[in-house]
Amino acid sequence: MDSPCYCDLLRTAARKTTAIYDRHLGEVGLTLAQYKLLKKIDRAGELSISELAAACDLDRSTIGRNAQVLGKHELVEETSCGDGRRCMLTLTETGRHRLAAAAPLWQTAQAEIEAMLGPDQIRAITAISGAL
């Protein structure tokens, strides 16, 4: 008897979940990935690309590409560059406003997912995430 591929099941669930967040956050021109990066930078005040990559558990090149996109949209800026020091990312005023506008939309996406799954399945996905 063949069992389903657990990786495929989890990836499908992640894509569907991301689509819900992206639909809501799209109202302010953000994706879930962009929102999460802005949120991490906001909490820290400033982060290097390497620190942000470690905080997101992603490779530095992926974060670097995403940070460039955020920079092109004037949501983040690099500071503390030069003299051999690391470049640090900080939110711009536009980035802070966009993040603030996105927060209730993120919460709406959370509520939609909670309503779809119910408390037992929410506890289950939390447990699965912690176990992996």
C-alpha atoms as a PDB file:
ATOM      1  CA  MET A   1       0.000   0.000   0.000  1.00  0.00           C
ATOM      2  CA  ASP A   2       1.421   3.368  -1.062  1.00  0.00           C
ATOM      3  CA  SER A   3       1.246   6.213   1.400  1.00  0.00           C
ATOM      4  CA  PRO A   4       0.943   9.834   0.278  1.00  0.00           C
ATOM      5  CA  CYS A   5       4.097  11.898   0.091  1.00  0.00           C
ATOM      6  CA  TYR A   6       4.113  13.912   3.303  1.00  0.00           C
ATOM      7  CA  CYS A   7       6.331  16.582   1.780  1.00  0.00           C
ATOM      8  CA  ASP A   8       3.882  17.056  -1.078  1.00  0.00           C
ATOM      9  CA  LEU A   9       0.948  17.285   1.330  1.00  0.00           C
ATOM     10  CA  LEU A  10       2.712  19.870   3.495  1.00  0.00           C
ATOM     11  CA  ARG A  11       3.839  21.919   0.483  1.00  0.00           C
ATOM     12  CA  THR A  12       0.319  21.923  -0.956  1.00  0.00           C
ATOM     13  CA  ALA A  13      -1.081  23.069   2.386  1.00  0.00           C
ATOM     14  CA  ALA A  14       1.597  25.771   2.591  1.00  0.00           C
ATOM     15  CA  ARG A  15       0.825  27.048  -0.926  1.00  0.00           C
ATOM     16  CA  LYS A  16      -2.905  27.202  -0.199  1.00  0.00           C
ATOM     17  CA  THR A  17      -2.305  28.938   3.120  1.00  0.00           C
ATOM     18  CA  THR A  18       0.118  31.428   1.559  1.00  0.00           C
ATOM     19  CA  ALA A  19      -2.467  32.238  -1.111  1.00  0.00           C
ATOM     20  CA  ILE A  20      -4.945  33.252   1.591  1.00  0.00           C
ATOM     21  CA  TYR A  21      -2.428  35.595   3.235  1.00  0.00           C
ATOM     22  CA  ASP A  22      -1.314  36.974  -0.142  1.00  0.00           C
ATOM     23  CA  ARG A  23      -4.924  37.690  -1.135  1.00  0.00           C
ATOM     24  CA  HIS A  24      -5.464  39.782   1.996  1.00  0.00           C
ATOM     25  CA  LEU A  25      -2.034  41.445   2.102  1.00  0.00           C
ATOM     26  CA  GLY A  26      -2.285  42.213  -1.607  1.00  0.00           C
ATOM     27  CA  GLU A  27      -4.697  44.985  -0.659  1.00  0.00           C
ATOM     28  CA  VAL A  28      -1.653  46.991   0.476  1.00  0.00           C
ATOM     29  CA  GLY A  29       0.699  45.639  -2.178  1.00  0.00           C
ATOM     30  CA  LEU A  30       2.515  43.056  -0.061  1.00  0.00           C
ATOM     31  CA  THR A  31       2.994  39.323  -0.147  1.00  0.00           C
ATOM     32  CA  LEU A  32       3.224  37.182   2.966  1.00  0.00           C
ATOM     33  CA  ALA A  33       6.975  36.784   2.451  1.00  0.00           C
ATOM     34  CA  GLN A  34       7.441  40.551   2.252  1.00  0.00           C
ATOM     35  CA  TYR A  35       5.244  41.124   5.291  1.00  0.00           C
ATOM     36  CA  LYS A  36       7.235  38.626   7.369  1.00  0.00           C
ATOM     37  CA  LEU A  37      10.545  40.267   6.384  1.00  0.00           C
ATOM     38  CA  LEU A  38       9.240  43.739   7.228  1.00  0.00           C
ATOM     39  CA  LYS A  39       7.924  42.429  10.546  1.00  0.00           C
ATOM     40  CA  LYS A  40      11.288  40.895  11.495  1.00  0.00           C
ATOM     41  CA  ILE A  41      13.192  44.052  10.566  1.00  0.00           C
ATOM     42  CA  ASP A  42      10.688  46.180  12.479  1.00  0.00           C
ATOM     43  CA  ARG A  43      11.011  44.072  15.634  1.00  0.00           C
ATOM     44  CA  ALA A  44      14.802  44.246  15.549  1.00  0.00           C
ATOM     45  CA  GLY A  45      15.074  47.875  14.484  1.00  0.00           C
ATOM     46  CA  GLU A  46      17.808  46.915  12.042  1.00  0.00           C
ATOM     47  CA  LEU A  47      19.249  43.651  10.773  1.00  0.00           C
ATOM     48  CA  SER A  48      22.009  42.643   8.416  1.00  0.00           C
ATOM     49  CA  ILE A  49      21.123  40.388   5.494  1.00  0.00           C
ATOM     50  CA  SER A  50      22.872  37.505   7.295  1.00  0.00           C
ATOM     51  CA  GLU A  51      20.969  38.128  10.531  1.00  0.00           C
ATOM     52  CA  LEU A  52      17.690  38.340   8.651  1.00  0.00           C
ATOM     53  CA  ALA A  53      18.480  35.116   6.783  1.00  0.00           C
ATOM     54  CA  ALA A  54      19.194  33.348  10.069  1.00  0.00           C
ATOM     55  CA  ALA A  55      16.000  34.709  11.638  1.00  0.00           C
ATOM     56  CA  CYS A  56      13.976  33.443   8.659  1.00  0.00           C
ATOM     57  CA  ASP A  57      15.870  30.144   8.349  1.00  0.00           C
ATOM     58  CA  LEU A  58      16.569  30.951   4.684  1.00  0.00           C
ATOM     59  CA  ASP A  59      19.783  31.319   2.744  1.00  0.00           C
ATOM     60  CA  ARG A  60      21.455  34.693   2.492  1.00  0.00           C
ATOM     61  CA  SER A  61      21.071  34.964  -1.299  1.00  0.00           C
ATOM     62  CA  THR A  62      17.294  34.484  -1.094  1.00  0.00           C
ATOM     63  CA  ILE A  63      17.011  37.171   1.575  1.00  0.00           C
ATOM     64  CA  GLY A  64      19.310  39.454  -0.424  1.00  0.00           C
ATOM     65  CA  ARG A  65      17.066  39.198  -3.493  1.00  0.00           C
ATOM     66  CA  ASN A  66      13.954  39.820  -1.404  1.00  0.00           C
ATOM     67  CA  ALA A  67      15.585  42.790   0.329  1.00  0.00           C
ATOM     68  CA  GLN A  68      16.398  44.287  -3.085  1.00  0.00           C
ATOM     69  CA  VAL A  69      12.712  44.103  -4.026  1.00  0.00           C
ATOM     70  CA  LEU A  70      11.731  45.749  -0.739  1.00  0.00           C
ATOM     71  CA  GLY A  71      14.325  48.439  -1.415  1.00  0.00           C
ATOM     72  CA  LYS A  72      12.993  49.087  -4.924  1.00  0.00           C
ATOM     73  CA  HIS A  73       9.563  49.643  -3.392  1.00  0.00           C
ATOM     74  CA  GLU A  74      11.189  52.000  -0.852  1.00  0.00           C
ATOM     75  CA  LEU A  75      10.071  49.867   2.103  1.00  0.00           C
ATOM     76  CA  VAL A  76      13.575  49.236   3.465  1.00  0.00           C
ATOM     77  CA  GLU A  77      16.908  51.000   3.195  1.00  0.00           C
ATOM     78  CA  GLU A  78      20.476  50.005   3.867  1.00  0.00           C
ATOM     79  CA  THR A  79      22.328  51.893   6.570  1.00  0.00           C
ATOM     80  CA  SER A  80      25.712  51.615   8.276  1.00  0.00           C
ATOM     81  CA  CYS A  81      27.485  50.712   5.028  1.00  0.00           C
ATOM     82  CA  GLY A  82      31.080  51.577   4.366  1.00  0.00           C
ATOM     83  CA  ASP A  83      34.295  51.508   6.346  1.00  0.00           C
ATOM     84  CA  GLY A  84      34.221  47.708   6.363  1.00  0.00           C
ATOM     85  CA  ARG A  85      31.025  47.562   8.409  1.00  0.00           C
ATOM     86  CA  ARG A  86      28.034  45.415   7.573  1.00  0.00           C
ATOM     87  CA  CYS A  87      25.105  46.904   5.711  1.00  0.00           C
ATOM     88  CA  MET A  88      22.070  46.969   7.932  1.00  0.00           C
ATOM     89  CA  LEU A  89      18.457  46.974   6.781  1.00  0.00           C
ATOM     90  CA  THR A  90      15.953  49.313   8.393  1.00  0.00           C
ATOM     91  CA  LEU A  91      12.372  50.163   7.538  1.00  0.00           C
ATOM     92  CA  THR A  92      11.688  53.411   5.751  1.00  0.00           C
ATOM     93  CA  GLU A  93       8.775  55.598   6.748  1.00  0.00           C
ATOM     94  CA  THR A  94       6.866  54.071   3.820  1.00  0.00           C
ATOM     95  CA  GLY A  95       7.775  50.608   5.082  1.00  0.00           C
ATOM     96  CA  ARG A  96       6.496  51.392   8.576  1.00  0.00           C
ATOM     97  CA  HIS A  97       3.214  52.719   7.194  1.00  0.00           C
ATOM     98  CA  ARG A  98       2.760  49.748   4.864  1.00  0.00           C
ATOM     99  CA  LEU A  99       3.478  47.317   7.694  1.00  0.00           C
ATOM    100  CA  ALA A 100       0.960  49.065   9.930  1.00  0.00           C
ATOM    101  CA  ALA A 101      -1.668  48.946   7.175  1.00  0.00           C
ATOM    102  CA  ALA A 102      -0.943  45.260   6.572  1.00  0.00           C
ATOM    103  CA  ALA A 103      -1.222  44.133  10.203  1.00  0.00           C
ATOM    104  CA  PRO A 104      -5.047  44.019  10.348  1.00  0.00           C
ATOM    105  CA  LEU A 105      -5.127  42.290   6.946  1.00  0.00           C
ATOM    106  CA  TRP A 106      -2.734  39.640   8.263  1.00  0.00           C
ATOM    107  CA  GLN A 107      -5.028  39.206  11.256  1.00  0.00           C
ATOM    108  CA  THR A 108      -8.009  38.780   8.912  1.00  0.00           C
ATOM    109  CA  ALA A 109      -6.120  36.040   7.050  1.00  0.00           C
ATOM    110  CA  GLN A 110      -5.334  34.363  10.385  1.00  0.00           C
ATOM    111  CA  ALA A 111      -9.015  34.435  11.327  1.00  0.00           C
ATOM    112  CA  GLU A 112     -10.027  32.998   7.942  1.00  0.00           C
ATOM    113  CA  ILE A 113      -7.623  30.092   8.347  1.00  0.00           C
ATOM    114  CA  GLU A 114      -8.713  29.495  11.936  1.00  0.00           C
ATOM    115  CA  ALA A 115     -12.347  29.418  10.800  1.00  0.00           C
ATOM    116  CA  MET A 116     -11.536  26.955   8.009  1.00  0.00           C
ATOM    117  CA  LEU A 117      -9.496  24.602  10.169  1.00  0.00           C
ATOM    118  CA  GLY A 118     -10.955  24.886  13.645  1.00  0.00           C
ATOM    119  CA  PRO A 119      -9.052  24.683  16.929  1.00  0.00           C
ATOM    120  CA  ASP A 120      -8.135  20.981  16.725  1.00  0.00           C
ATOM    121  CA  GLN A 121      -6.465  21.308  13.329  1.00  0.00           C
ATOM    122  CA  ILE A 122      -4.752  24.540  14.363  1.00  0.00           C
ATOM    123  CA  ARG A 123      -3.250  22.680  17.337  1.00  0.00           C
ATOM    124  CA  ALA A 124      -2.258  19.848  14.983  1.00  0.00           C
ATOM    125  CA  ILE A 125      -0.387  22.085  12.542  1.00  0.00           C
ATOM    126  CA  THR A 126       1.294  23.832  15.449  1.00  0.00           C
ATOM    127  CA  ALA A 127       2.407  20.459  16.788  1.00  0.00           C
ATOM    128  CA  ILE A 128       3.607  19.324  13.358  1.00  0.00           C
ATOM    129  CA  SER A 129       5.642  22.485  12.909  1.00  0.00           C
ATOM    130  CA  GLY A 130       7.220  22.075  16.332  1.00  0.00           C
ATOM    131  CA  ALA A 131       7.997  18.414  15.747  1.00  0.00           C
ATOM    132  CA  LEU A 132       9.800  19.066  12.480  1.00  0.00           C
END
